[in-house]
Amino acid sequence: MTTKISTIQHLFIIDTSVRSYQEKSNLISRVNDSLDSIRLVAKRNYKQAQKITIMSIKDNQIKCMCHDLDITETNDFSIGTITLNEPVQLFDAIGTGIATWRALAHKRTDSIKHQVSLFTSGKDFGSRKYSICTLKSIITSLTTIGWQFTLIGRNPLLSLIASNLGIHNYYNCSAPQSYRERNFLISRLKKQWQLQQIKNHPDNHAFKAA
């Protein structure tokens, strides 16, 4: 059995409040396309483990769906019943999710990178503990020690929201128009992970894009 020499930890925080069943389908596709992109990277570098933690936001509570699972053991993401137009205290949920994951960071001694992906349109309703300025301070602080954040959603103002949160990587997604476009995020996210690996491991030619 090949020994993994390093680990990249991924945290997905997913806002499951949606306005329609079509948005539900699109959200599921975005998350699963992102998981697929990480699976592709894992296949290219068998010596590096890719671990996943997924937290979902529902009924103004954050729920841990899986924690510290190897990407090869992670099932596709799905949503059960949904409450349409549910107002969400988004910043409180995101702040709580990051704080919880951060508190466990000392147990991840073999981790070389922490990647946080936020799946949300960025709309907050009545957060009390965390403001957008508080989150920006936290995210900026973690970015300076090597954590990487990506905002993934569908909102004309997504770039502004990302900037206000101190997040440099964001993807404003359009809905797939056909089955052939289902993996509309895969090529971009795959390239993102590959470029990050090349940057951190310049001698590892397995990550060079075809």
N, C-alpha and C. Protein backbone atom coordinates (compact mmCIF):
# COMPACT_ATOMS: atom_id res chain seq x y z
N MET A 1 0.85 -1.19 0.00
CA MET A 1 0.00 0.00 0.00
C MET A 1 0.88 1.24 0.00
N THR A 2 0.57 2.20 -0.86
CA THR A 2 1.35 3.42 -0.95
C THR A 2 1.03 4.35 0.22
N THR A 3 2.06 4.86 0.86
CA THR A 3 1.88 5.77 1.98
C THR A 3 1.68 7.19 1.47
N LYS A 4 0.62 7.85 1.94
CA LYS A 4 0.39 9.23 1.59
C LYS A 4 1.40 10.10 2.34
N ILE A 5 2.04 11.02 1.61
CA ILE A 5 3.08 11.82 2.24
C ILE A 5 2.58 13.19 2.67
N SER A 6 1.42 13.59 2.22
CA SER A 6 0.87 14.88 2.62
C SER A 6 -0.63 14.88 2.37
N THR A 7 -1.31 15.85 2.94
CA THR A 7 -2.76 15.92 2.85
C THR A 7 -3.22 17.34 2.58
N ILE A 8 -4.17 17.47 1.66
CA ILE A 8 -4.86 18.74 1.46
C ILE A 8 -6.26 18.58 2.05
N GLN A 9 -6.62 19.48 2.93
CA GLN A 9 -7.91 19.46 3.59
C GLN A 9 -8.86 20.43 2.90
N HIS A 10 -10.05 19.95 2.56
CA HIS A 10 -11.06 20.76 1.91
C HIS A 10 -12.27 20.91 2.83
N LEU A 11 -12.75 22.12 2.97
CA LEU A 11 -13.99 22.38 3.68
C LEU A 11 -14.99 22.99 2.70
N PHE A 12 -16.14 22.34 2.53
CA PHE A 12 -17.25 22.87 1.74
C PHE A 12 -18.31 23.37 2.72
N ILE A 13 -18.68 24.64 2.61
CA ILE A 13 -19.81 25.18 3.36
C ILE A 13 -20.88 25.52 2.34
N ILE A 14 -22.04 24.87 2.45
CA ILE A 14 -23.05 24.93 1.39
C ILE A 14 -24.34 25.55 1.93
N ASP A 15 -24.72 26.67 1.36
CA ASP A 15 -25.98 27.32 1.69
C ASP A 15 -27.09 26.65 0.88
N THR A 16 -27.95 25.90 1.54
CA THR A 16 -28.97 25.12 0.83
C THR A 16 -30.29 25.88 0.68
N SER A 17 -30.33 27.16 1.05
CA SER A 17 -31.55 27.94 0.83
C SER A 17 -31.63 28.32 -0.64
N VAL A 18 -32.69 27.92 -1.30
CA VAL A 18 -32.85 28.16 -2.74
C VAL A 18 -34.26 28.68 -3.01
N ARG A 19 -34.44 29.32 -4.17
CA ARG A 19 -35.73 29.91 -4.52
C ARG A 19 -36.58 29.02 -5.42
N SER A 20 -35.99 27.97 -5.94
CA SER A 20 -36.76 27.09 -6.83
C SER A 20 -36.11 25.72 -6.86
N TYR A 21 -36.84 24.76 -7.40
CA TYR A 21 -36.28 23.41 -7.51
C TYR A 21 -35.19 23.36 -8.58
N GLN A 22 -35.24 24.28 -9.55
CA GLN A 22 -34.17 24.36 -10.53
C GLN A 22 -32.88 24.83 -9.87
N GLU A 23 -32.99 25.79 -8.96
CA GLU A 23 -31.80 26.24 -8.23
C GLU A 23 -31.24 25.11 -7.36
N LYS A 24 -32.12 24.29 -6.81
CA LYS A 24 -31.67 23.14 -6.03
C LYS A 24 -30.83 22.22 -6.91
N SER A 25 -31.32 21.93 -8.11
CA SER A 25 -30.59 21.06 -9.04
C SER A 25 -29.25 21.67 -9.41
N ASN A 26 -29.23 22.98 -9.66
CA ASN A 26 -27.99 23.65 -10.05
C ASN A 26 -26.97 23.64 -8.91
N LEU A 27 -27.45 23.84 -7.68
CA LEU A 27 -26.55 23.83 -6.52
C LEU A 27 -25.92 22.45 -6.36
N ILE A 28 -26.73 21.41 -6.47
CA ILE A 28 -26.21 20.05 -6.35
C ILE A 28 -25.14 19.79 -7.41
N SER A 29 -25.38 20.28 -8.63
CA SER A 29 -24.40 20.11 -9.71
C SER A 29 -23.10 20.82 -9.39
N ARG A 30 -23.18 22.05 -8.86
CA ARG A 30 -21.97 22.81 -8.54
C ARG A 30 -21.12 22.07 -7.51
N VAL A 31 -21.77 21.56 -6.47
CA VAL A 31 -21.02 20.87 -5.42
C VAL A 31 -20.41 19.58 -5.97
N ASN A 32 -21.19 18.80 -6.69
CA ASN A 32 -20.68 17.52 -7.19
C ASN A 32 -19.63 17.72 -8.28
N ASP A 33 -19.76 18.76 -9.09
CA ASP A 33 -18.70 19.07 -10.06
C ASP A 33 -17.40 19.41 -9.34
N SER A 34 -17.52 20.12 -8.23
CA SER A 34 -16.33 20.47 -7.45
C SER A 34 -15.70 19.23 -6.83
N LEU A 35 -16.53 18.33 -6.31
CA LEU A 35 -16.00 17.07 -5.78
C LEU A 35 -15.31 16.27 -6.88
N ASP A 36 -15.91 16.25 -8.08
CA ASP A 36 -15.31 15.53 -9.20
C ASP A 36 -13.95 16.11 -9.57
N SER A 37 -13.84 17.44 -9.51
CA SER A 37 -12.57 18.06 -9.87
C SER A 37 -11.47 17.67 -8.90
N ILE A 38 -11.82 17.53 -7.62
CA ILE A 38 -10.84 17.10 -6.62
C ILE A 38 -10.49 15.63 -6.82
N ARG A 39 -11.47 14.82 -7.20
CA ARG A 39 -11.19 13.41 -7.48
C ARG A 39 -10.19 13.27 -8.63
N LEU A 40 -10.33 14.11 -9.64
CA LEU A 40 -9.40 14.06 -10.78
C LEU A 40 -7.98 14.40 -10.34
N VAL A 41 -7.85 15.39 -9.47
CA VAL A 41 -6.53 15.74 -8.96
C VAL A 41 -5.95 14.61 -8.12
N ALA A 42 -6.79 13.97 -7.31
CA ALA A 42 -6.33 12.86 -6.47
C ALA A 42 -5.79 11.71 -7.30
N LYS A 43 -6.41 11.47 -8.45
CA LYS A 43 -5.94 10.40 -9.33
C LYS A 43 -4.57 10.73 -9.91
N ARG A 44 -4.31 12.00 -10.14
CA ARG A 44 -3.03 12.40 -10.73
C ARG A 44 -1.88 12.36 -9.72
N ASN A 45 -2.20 12.57 -8.47
CA ASN A 45 -1.15 12.55 -7.45
C ASN A 45 -1.54 11.57 -6.35
N TYR A 46 -1.17 10.30 -6.55
CA TYR A 46 -1.59 9.26 -5.62
C TYR A 46 -0.86 9.33 -4.29
N LYS A 47 0.21 10.12 -4.19
CA LYS A 47 0.93 10.23 -2.94
C LYS A 47 0.36 11.32 -2.02
N GLN A 48 -0.61 12.05 -2.52
CA GLN A 48 -1.19 13.14 -1.74
C GLN A 48 -2.65 12.85 -1.46
N ALA A 49 -3.03 12.86 -0.19
CA ALA A 49 -4.42 12.60 0.19
C ALA A 49 -5.25 13.88 0.06
N GLN A 50 -6.49 13.71 -0.35
CA GLN A 50 -7.44 14.82 -0.43
C GLN A 50 -8.58 14.49 0.53
N LYS A 51 -8.70 15.25 1.61
CA LYS A 51 -9.72 15.00 2.63
C LYS A 51 -10.83 16.04 2.55
N ILE A 52 -12.06 15.60 2.76
CA ILE A 52 -13.23 16.46 2.60
C ILE A 52 -14.04 16.55 3.89
N THR A 53 -14.41 17.78 4.23
CA THR A 53 -15.42 18.03 5.25
C THR A 53 -16.52 18.86 4.60
N ILE A 54 -17.77 18.43 4.75
CA ILE A 54 -18.89 19.14 4.15
C ILE A 54 -19.85 19.59 5.24
N MET A 55 -20.14 20.88 5.26
CA MET A 55 -21.12 21.45 6.18
C MET A 55 -22.22 22.12 5.37
N SER A 56 -23.47 21.87 5.74
CA SER A 56 -24.59 22.49 5.05
C SER A 56 -25.33 23.44 5.98
N ILE A 57 -25.89 24.49 5.39
CA ILE A 57 -26.64 25.48 6.15
C ILE A 57 -28.12 25.27 5.85
N LYS A 58 -28.89 24.96 6.89
CA LYS A 58 -30.33 24.74 6.73
C LYS A 58 -31.03 25.13 8.02
N ASP A 59 -32.16 25.81 7.88
CA ASP A 59 -32.94 26.25 9.05
C ASP A 59 -32.07 27.05 10.01
N ASN A 60 -31.18 27.88 9.43
CA ASN A 60 -30.29 28.74 10.22
C ASN A 60 -29.39 27.95 11.16
N GLN A 61 -29.14 26.71 10.81
CA GLN A 61 -28.18 25.91 11.56
C GLN A 61 -27.19 25.30 10.59
N ILE A 62 -25.98 25.07 11.07
CA ILE A 62 -24.96 24.45 10.22
C ILE A 62 -24.79 23.00 10.67
N LYS A 63 -24.85 22.12 9.71
CA LYS A 63 -24.80 20.68 9.98
C LYS A 63 -23.59 20.08 9.28
N CYS A 64 -22.84 19.28 10.02
CA CYS A 64 -21.69 18.59 9.43
C CYS A 64 -22.18 17.29 8.79
N MET A 65 -22.08 17.22 7.46
CA MET A 65 -22.56 16.05 6.72
C MET A 65 -21.50 14.95 6.65
N CYS A 66 -20.24 15.36 6.61
CA CYS A 66 -19.13 14.40 6.69
C CYS A 66 -17.90 15.16 7.15
N HIS A 67 -16.98 14.44 7.79
CA HIS A 67 -15.80 15.11 8.34
C HIS A 67 -14.55 14.31 8.04
N ASP A 68 -13.59 14.97 7.42
CA ASP A 68 -12.25 14.41 7.23
C ASP A 68 -12.29 13.08 6.49
N LEU A 69 -13.14 12.98 5.47
CA LEU A 69 -13.21 11.78 4.66
C LEU A 69 -12.26 11.89 3.48
N ASP A 70 -11.62 10.78 3.14
CA ASP A 70 -10.84 10.76 1.92
C ASP A 70 -11.78 10.95 0.73
N ILE A 71 -11.31 11.67 -0.28
CA ILE A 71 -12.16 11.97 -1.43
C ILE A 71 -12.68 10.69 -2.09
N THR A 72 -11.91 9.61 -2.00
CA THR A 72 -12.34 8.34 -2.60
C THR A 72 -13.50 7.71 -1.83
N GLU A 73 -13.73 8.17 -0.59
CA GLU A 73 -14.81 7.63 0.23
C GLU A 73 -16.01 8.57 0.30
N THR A 74 -15.92 9.70 -0.37
CA THR A 74 -16.97 10.72 -0.28
C THR A 74 -18.05 10.48 -1.31
N ASN A 75 -19.29 10.41 -0.85
CA ASN A 75 -20.42 10.25 -1.76
C ASN A 75 -20.78 11.58 -2.41
N ASP A 76 -21.54 11.51 -3.50
CA ASP A 76 -22.03 12.73 -4.12
C ASP A 76 -22.97 13.45 -3.17
N PHE A 77 -22.98 14.77 -3.29
CA PHE A 77 -23.81 15.61 -2.44
C PHE A 77 -25.26 15.58 -2.91
N SER A 78 -26.19 15.61 -1.96
CA SER A 78 -27.61 15.67 -2.31
C SER A 78 -28.34 16.45 -1.23
N ILE A 79 -29.51 16.96 -1.59
CA ILE A 79 -30.36 17.70 -0.65
C ILE A 79 -31.69 16.98 -0.57
N GLY A 80 -32.21 16.83 0.64
CA GLY A 80 -33.52 16.23 0.80
C GLY A 80 -34.61 17.24 0.54
N THR A 81 -35.55 17.36 1.44
CA THR A 81 -36.60 18.36 1.29
C THR A 81 -36.01 19.75 1.47
N ILE A 82 -36.59 20.73 0.78
CA ILE A 82 -36.10 22.10 0.87
C ILE A 82 -37.23 23.02 1.25
N THR A 83 -36.85 24.13 1.88
CA THR A 83 -37.80 25.19 2.20
C THR A 83 -37.48 26.38 1.30
N LEU A 84 -38.36 26.69 0.37
CA LEU A 84 -38.09 27.74 -0.60
C LEU A 84 -38.11 29.11 0.07
N ASN A 85 -37.20 29.98 -0.40
CA ASN A 85 -37.12 31.36 0.08
C ASN A 85 -36.86 31.46 1.58
N GLU A 86 -36.17 30.50 2.13
CA GLU A 86 -35.86 30.53 3.56
C GLU A 86 -34.78 31.58 3.84
N PRO A 87 -35.07 32.59 4.69
CA PRO A 87 -34.03 33.58 5.02
C PRO A 87 -32.96 32.94 5.90
N VAL A 88 -31.71 33.21 5.61
CA VAL A 88 -30.61 32.55 6.31
C VAL A 88 -29.66 33.57 6.91
N GLN A 89 -29.31 33.35 8.17
CA GLN A 89 -28.27 34.15 8.81
C GLN A 89 -26.93 33.60 8.34
N LEU A 90 -26.60 33.97 7.11
CA LEU A 90 -25.50 33.34 6.39
C LEU A 90 -24.15 33.57 7.05
N PHE A 91 -23.85 34.81 7.41
CA PHE A 91 -22.54 35.12 7.96
C PHE A 91 -22.31 34.41 9.29
N ASP A 92 -23.36 34.30 10.10
CA ASP A 92 -23.23 33.55 11.37
C ASP A 92 -22.90 32.09 11.09
N ALA A 93 -23.58 31.50 10.10
CA ALA A 93 -23.34 30.09 9.79
C ALA A 93 -21.94 29.87 9.23
N ILE A 94 -21.51 30.74 8.31
CA ILE A 94 -20.17 30.59 7.74
C ILE A 94 -19.11 30.77 8.81
N GLY A 95 -19.27 31.80 9.64
CA GLY A 95 -18.30 32.05 10.70
C GLY A 95 -18.21 30.88 11.67
N THR A 96 -19.36 30.31 12.03
CA THR A 96 -19.37 29.15 12.93
C THR A 96 -18.70 27.95 12.29
N GLY A 97 -18.97 27.73 11.01
CA GLY A 97 -18.38 26.60 10.30
C GLY A 97 -16.86 26.71 10.23
N ILE A 98 -16.36 27.88 9.89
CA ILE A 98 -14.92 28.08 9.80
C ILE A 98 -14.28 27.93 11.18
N ALA A 99 -14.92 28.51 12.20
CA ALA A 99 -14.37 28.44 13.56
C ALA A 99 -14.29 27.00 14.05
N THR A 100 -15.34 26.21 13.76
CA THR A 100 -15.35 24.81 14.17
C THR A 100 -14.25 24.03 13.49
N TRP A 101 -14.10 24.22 12.18
CA TRP A 101 -13.06 23.51 11.42
C TRP A 101 -11.68 23.95 11.85
N ARG A 102 -11.54 25.25 12.11
CA ARG A 102 -10.25 25.79 12.54
C ARG A 102 -9.84 25.21 13.88
N ALA A 103 -10.82 25.00 14.78
CA ALA A 103 -10.53 24.48 16.11
C ALA A 103 -9.95 23.07 16.04
N LEU A 104 -10.24 22.35 14.95
CA LEU A 104 -9.74 20.99 14.80
C LEU A 104 -8.46 20.93 13.97
N ALA A 105 -7.96 22.09 13.56
CA ALA A 105 -6.79 22.13 12.67
C ALA A 105 -5.56 21.51 13.31
N HIS A 106 -5.43 21.61 14.63
CA HIS A 106 -4.24 21.08 15.29
C HIS A 106 -4.15 19.56 15.18
N LYS A 107 -5.28 18.91 14.89
CA LYS A 107 -5.28 17.46 14.73
C LYS A 107 -4.84 17.03 13.33
N ARG A 108 -4.79 18.00 12.41
CA ARG A 108 -4.42 17.68 11.04
C ARG A 108 -2.93 17.98 10.83
N THR A 109 -2.10 17.22 11.49
CA THR A 109 -0.67 17.52 11.52
C THR A 109 0.02 17.29 10.18
N ASP A 110 -0.58 16.45 9.30
CA ASP A 110 0.05 16.15 8.03
C ASP A 110 -0.47 17.03 6.90
N SER A 111 -1.32 18.01 7.24
CA SER A 111 -1.91 18.85 6.21
C SER A 111 -0.90 19.89 5.71
N ILE A 112 -0.87 20.07 4.40
CA ILE A 112 0.00 21.10 3.84
C ILE A 112 -0.82 22.27 3.30
N LYS A 113 -2.15 22.08 3.22
CA LYS A 113 -2.98 23.16 2.71
C LYS A 113 -4.41 22.99 3.20
N HIS A 114 -5.05 24.12 3.43
CA HIS A 114 -6.47 24.15 3.78
C HIS A 114 -7.21 24.93 2.71
N GLN A 115 -8.20 24.29 2.09
CA GLN A 115 -9.00 24.91 1.04
C GLN A 115 -10.44 25.01 1.54
N VAL A 116 -11.00 26.22 1.50
CA VAL A 116 -12.38 26.43 1.93
C VAL A 116 -13.19 26.91 0.74
N SER A 117 -14.26 26.20 0.40
CA SER A 117 -15.14 26.58 -0.70
C SER A 117 -16.53 26.90 -0.14
N LEU A 118 -17.00 28.12 -0.43
CA LEU A 118 -18.30 28.57 0.04
C LEU A 118 -19.27 28.55 -1.13
N PHE A 119 -20.33 27.77 -1.02
CA PHE A 119 -21.34 27.67 -2.07
C PHE A 119 -22.56 28.48 -1.62
N THR A 120 -22.68 29.70 -2.12
CA THR A 120 -23.75 30.59 -1.69
C THR A 120 -23.85 31.78 -2.62
N SER A 121 -25.04 32.38 -2.66
CA SER A 121 -25.22 33.63 -3.41
C SER A 121 -24.74 34.82 -2.60
N GLY A 122 -24.47 34.59 -1.32
CA GLY A 122 -23.94 35.66 -0.47
C GLY A 122 -24.98 36.51 0.21
N LYS A 123 -26.25 36.12 0.16
CA LYS A 123 -27.32 36.91 0.77
C LYS A 123 -27.48 36.54 2.24
N ASP A 124 -27.33 37.56 3.09
CA ASP A 124 -27.42 37.34 4.54
C ASP A 124 -28.67 38.03 5.08
N PHE A 125 -29.33 37.37 6.04
CA PHE A 125 -30.52 37.94 6.66
C PHE A 125 -30.38 37.89 8.17
N GLY A 126 -29.93 38.99 8.76
CA GLY A 126 -30.00 39.15 10.20
C GLY A 126 -28.94 38.46 11.02
N SER A 127 -27.73 38.24 10.48
CA SER A 127 -26.67 37.66 11.31
C SER A 127 -26.35 38.58 12.48
N ARG A 128 -26.08 37.98 13.62
CA ARG A 128 -25.83 38.76 14.83
C ARG A 128 -24.41 38.63 15.35
N LYS A 129 -23.84 37.44 15.22
CA LYS A 129 -22.51 37.20 15.78
C LYS A 129 -21.41 37.64 14.83
N TYR A 130 -21.60 37.38 13.53
CA TYR A 130 -20.59 37.71 12.52
C TYR A 130 -21.16 38.70 11.52
N SER A 131 -20.43 39.77 11.28
CA SER A 131 -20.76 40.70 10.20
C SER A 131 -19.86 40.39 9.02
N ILE A 132 -20.10 41.02 7.88
CA ILE A 132 -19.24 40.79 6.72
C ILE A 132 -17.83 41.30 7.00
N CYS A 133 -17.71 42.36 7.80
CA CYS A 133 -16.39 42.90 8.16
C CYS A 133 -15.64 41.94 9.08
N THR A 134 -16.38 41.31 10.01
CA THR A 134 -15.76 40.33 10.91
C THR A 134 -15.25 39.13 10.12
N LEU A 135 -16.08 38.65 9.19
CA LEU A 135 -15.67 37.52 8.37
C LEU A 135 -14.46 37.88 7.52
N LYS A 136 -14.45 39.08 6.96
CA LYS A 136 -13.30 39.48 6.14
C LYS A 136 -12.02 39.47 6.96
N SER A 137 -12.10 39.94 8.19
CA SER A 137 -10.92 39.95 9.06
C SER A 137 -10.43 38.53 9.31
N ILE A 138 -11.36 37.60 9.57
CA ILE A 138 -11.00 36.20 9.81
C ILE A 138 -10.40 35.57 8.56
N ILE A 139 -11.07 35.76 7.43
CA ILE A 139 -10.61 35.15 6.17
C ILE A 139 -9.26 35.72 5.76
N THR A 140 -9.07 37.03 5.91
CA THR A 140 -7.79 37.65 5.57
C THR A 140 -6.67 37.11 6.44
N SER A 141 -6.96 36.94 7.73
CA SER A 141 -5.96 36.41 8.65
C SER A 141 -5.56 34.98 8.28
N LEU A 142 -6.55 34.15 7.95
CA LEU A 142 -6.27 32.76 7.58
C LEU A 142 -5.57 32.69 6.22
N THR A 143 -5.89 33.59 5.33
CA THR A 143 -5.23 33.62 4.02
C THR A 143 -3.74 33.91 4.16
N THR A 144 -3.38 34.75 5.11
CA THR A 144 -1.97 35.09 5.31
C THR A 144 -1.15 33.90 5.80
N ILE A 145 -1.81 32.88 6.38
CA ILE A 145 -1.07 31.70 6.83
C ILE A 145 -1.26 30.51 5.87
N GLY A 146 -1.79 30.82 4.68
CA GLY A 146 -1.82 29.80 3.64
C GLY A 146 -3.16 29.19 3.31
N TRP A 147 -4.20 29.51 4.09
CA TRP A 147 -5.51 29.00 3.75
C TRP A 147 -6.00 29.66 2.46
N GLN A 148 -6.76 28.91 1.66
CA GLN A 148 -7.30 29.45 0.41
C GLN A 148 -8.82 29.34 0.41
N PHE A 149 -9.46 30.41 -0.03
CA PHE A 149 -10.92 30.49 -0.03
C PHE A 149 -11.43 30.71 -1.44
N THR A 150 -12.55 30.06 -1.76
CA THR A 150 -13.21 30.22 -3.05
C THR A 150 -14.71 30.39 -2.81
N LEU A 151 -15.29 31.40 -3.46
CA LEU A 151 -16.73 31.64 -3.38
C LEU A 151 -17.37 31.18 -4.69
N ILE A 152 -18.36 30.31 -4.59
CA ILE A 152 -19.01 29.74 -5.76
C ILE A 152 -20.51 29.97 -5.65
N GLY A 153 -21.07 30.69 -6.60
CA GLY A 153 -22.50 30.96 -6.53
C GLY A 153 -23.01 31.60 -7.81
N ARG A 154 -24.25 32.07 -7.73
CA ARG A 154 -24.88 32.72 -8.87
C ARG A 154 -25.53 34.01 -8.39
N ASN A 155 -24.85 35.11 -8.65
CA ASN A 155 -25.31 36.42 -8.20
C ASN A 155 -24.57 37.48 -9.00
N PRO A 156 -25.27 38.44 -9.61
CA PRO A 156 -24.59 39.49 -10.37
C PRO A 156 -23.57 40.27 -9.54
N LEU A 157 -23.77 40.26 -8.22
CA LEU A 157 -22.87 41.00 -7.33
C LEU A 157 -21.85 40.09 -6.64
N LEU A 158 -21.67 38.89 -7.16
CA LEU A 158 -20.81 37.92 -6.49
C LEU A 158 -19.37 38.43 -6.36
N SER A 159 -18.86 39.09 -7.38
CA SER A 159 -17.49 39.59 -7.31
C SER A 159 -17.34 40.62 -6.20
N LEU A 160 -18.36 41.46 -6.02
CA LEU A 160 -18.33 42.46 -4.95
C LEU A 160 -18.41 41.78 -3.59
N ILE A 161 -19.27 40.78 -3.47
CA ILE A 161 -19.40 40.05 -2.21
C ILE A 161 -18.08 39.36 -1.87
N ALA A 162 -17.45 38.74 -2.87
CA ALA A 162 -16.15 38.09 -2.64
C ALA A 162 -15.13 39.10 -2.15
N SER A 163 -15.09 40.26 -2.79
CA SER A 163 -14.15 41.31 -2.39
C SER A 163 -14.41 41.77 -0.96
N ASN A 164 -15.68 41.95 -0.61
CA ASN A 164 -16.03 42.39 0.74
C ASN A 164 -15.70 41.35 1.79
N LEU A 165 -15.63 40.08 1.36
CA LEU A 165 -15.26 39.01 2.28
C LEU A 165 -13.75 38.75 2.30
N GLY A 166 -13.02 39.43 1.44
CA GLY A 166 -11.58 39.21 1.37
C GLY A 166 -11.21 37.95 0.62
N ILE A 167 -12.10 37.49 -0.28
CA ILE A 167 -11.87 36.26 -1.05
C ILE A 167 -11.45 36.63 -2.46
N HIS A 168 -10.32 36.08 -2.92
CA HIS A 168 -9.78 36.43 -4.23
C HIS A 168 -10.29 35.52 -5.34
N ASN A 169 -10.61 34.27 -5.02
CA ASN A 169 -11.09 33.32 -6.03
C ASN A 169 -12.61 33.21 -5.95
N TYR A 170 -13.28 33.43 -7.06
CA TYR A 170 -14.72 33.26 -7.07
C TYR A 170 -15.17 32.81 -8.46
N TYR A 171 -16.29 32.09 -8.50
CA TYR A 171 -16.88 31.63 -9.76
C TYR A 171 -18.36 31.99 -9.75
N ASN A 172 -18.75 32.90 -10.65
CA ASN A 172 -20.15 33.27 -10.80
C ASN A 172 -20.74 32.33 -11.85
N CYS A 173 -21.52 31.38 -11.42
CA CYS A 173 -21.93 30.27 -12.28
C CYS A 173 -23.25 30.55 -12.98
N SER A 174 -23.32 30.17 -14.20
CA SER A 174 -24.60 30.16 -14.91
C SER A 174 -25.13 28.74 -14.89
N ALA A 175 -26.43 28.61 -15.01
CA ALA A 175 -27.02 27.28 -14.97
C ALA A 175 -26.70 26.53 -16.25
N PRO A 176 -26.44 25.23 -16.17
CA PRO A 176 -26.19 24.43 -17.38
C PRO A 176 -27.44 24.38 -18.25
N GLN A 177 -27.26 24.59 -19.53
CA GLN A 177 -28.39 24.62 -20.45
C GLN A 177 -28.75 23.24 -20.99
N SER A 178 -27.89 22.28 -20.83
CA SER A 178 -28.16 20.94 -21.33
C SER A 178 -27.37 19.94 -20.52
N TYR A 179 -27.66 18.66 -20.75
CA TYR A 179 -26.94 17.60 -20.04
C TYR A 179 -25.45 17.67 -20.34
N ARG A 180 -25.08 18.06 -21.55
CA ARG A 180 -23.67 18.11 -21.94
C ARG A 180 -22.93 19.19 -21.17
N GLU A 181 -23.66 20.14 -20.61
CA GLU A 181 -23.03 21.21 -19.85
C GLU A 181 -23.13 20.97 -18.35
N ARG A 182 -23.53 19.79 -17.94
CA ARG A 182 -23.71 19.53 -16.52
C ARG A 182 -22.47 19.84 -15.70
N ASN A 183 -21.30 19.44 -16.21
CA ASN A 183 -20.05 19.67 -15.48
C ASN A 183 -19.44 21.01 -15.86
N PHE A 184 -20.24 22.06 -15.79
CA PHE A 184 -19.78 23.37 -16.25
C PHE A 184 -18.69 23.95 -15.37
N LEU A 185 -18.50 23.44 -14.17
CA LEU A 185 -17.44 23.94 -13.29
C LEU A 185 -16.17 23.11 -13.37
N ILE A 186 -16.30 21.90 -13.86
CA ILE A 186 -15.18 20.96 -13.75
C ILE A 186 -13.90 21.48 -14.37
N SER A 187 -13.97 21.98 -15.60
CA SER A 187 -12.75 22.38 -16.28
C SER A 187 -12.06 23.53 -15.54
N ARG A 188 -12.84 24.47 -15.03
CA ARG A 188 -12.25 25.60 -14.31
C ARG A 188 -11.68 25.19 -12.97
N LEU A 189 -12.44 24.39 -12.22
CA LEU A 189 -11.95 23.97 -10.91
C LEU A 189 -10.77 23.00 -11.04
N LYS A 190 -10.82 22.13 -12.05
CA LYS A 190 -9.71 21.22 -12.28
C LYS A 190 -8.44 22.01 -12.56
N LYS A 191 -8.56 23.02 -13.42
CA LYS A 191 -7.39 23.85 -13.73
C LYS A 191 -6.91 24.58 -12.49
N GLN A 192 -7.86 25.05 -11.65
CA GLN A 192 -7.49 25.75 -10.43
C GLN A 192 -6.63 24.87 -9.53
N TRP A 193 -7.12 23.64 -9.26
CA TRP A 193 -6.37 22.74 -8.38
C TRP A 193 -5.01 22.40 -8.99
N GLN A 194 -4.98 22.17 -10.30
CA GLN A 194 -3.72 21.82 -10.96
C GLN A 194 -2.70 22.94 -10.84
N LEU A 195 -3.13 24.17 -11.10
CA LEU A 195 -2.21 25.30 -11.02
C LEU A 195 -1.70 25.49 -9.59
N GLN A 196 -2.57 25.27 -8.61
CA GLN A 196 -2.14 25.40 -7.23
C GLN A 196 -1.11 24.34 -6.88
N GLN A 197 -1.31 23.11 -7.38
CA GLN A 197 -0.36 22.05 -7.10
C GLN A 197 0.98 22.31 -7.78
N ILE A 198 0.94 22.81 -9.01
CA ILE A 198 2.19 23.13 -9.72
C ILE A 198 2.96 24.19 -8.96
N LYS A 199 2.23 25.18 -8.45
CA LYS A 199 2.87 26.27 -7.71
C LYS A 199 3.54 25.76 -6.46
N ASN A 200 2.89 24.82 -5.77
CA ASN A 200 3.43 24.30 -4.51
C ASN A 200 4.42 23.17 -4.71
N HIS A 201 4.32 22.49 -5.87
CA HIS A 201 5.22 21.38 -6.17
C HIS A 201 5.73 21.54 -7.60
N PRO A 202 6.63 22.50 -7.84
CA PRO A 202 7.07 22.80 -9.21
C PRO A 202 7.74 21.64 -9.92
N ASP A 203 8.23 20.67 -9.17
CA ASP A 203 8.91 19.54 -9.80
C ASP A 203 7.97 18.39 -10.10
N ASN A 204 6.70 18.55 -9.72
CA ASN A 204 5.75 17.46 -9.92
C ASN A 204 5.07 17.64 -11.27
N HIS A 205 5.58 17.00 -12.31
CA HIS A 205 5.08 17.17 -13.66
C HIS A 205 3.73 16.50 -13.87
N ALA A 206 3.30 15.69 -12.90
CA ALA A 206 1.99 15.01 -13.05
C ALA A 206 0.86 15.98 -13.06
N PHE A 207 1.09 17.21 -12.54
CA PHE A 207 0.01 18.18 -12.45
C PHE A 207 -0.01 19.13 -13.62
N LYS A 208 0.89 19.02 -14.56
CA LYS A 208 0.88 19.93 -15.68
C LYS A 208 -0.34 19.65 -16.58
N ALA A 209 -1.04 20.68 -16.90
CA ALA A 209 -2.25 20.51 -17.71
C ALA A 209 -1.90 20.03 -19.10
N ALA A 210 -2.79 19.18 -19.61
CA ALA A 210 -2.55 18.64 -20.95
C ALA A 210 -2.71 19.74 -21.98
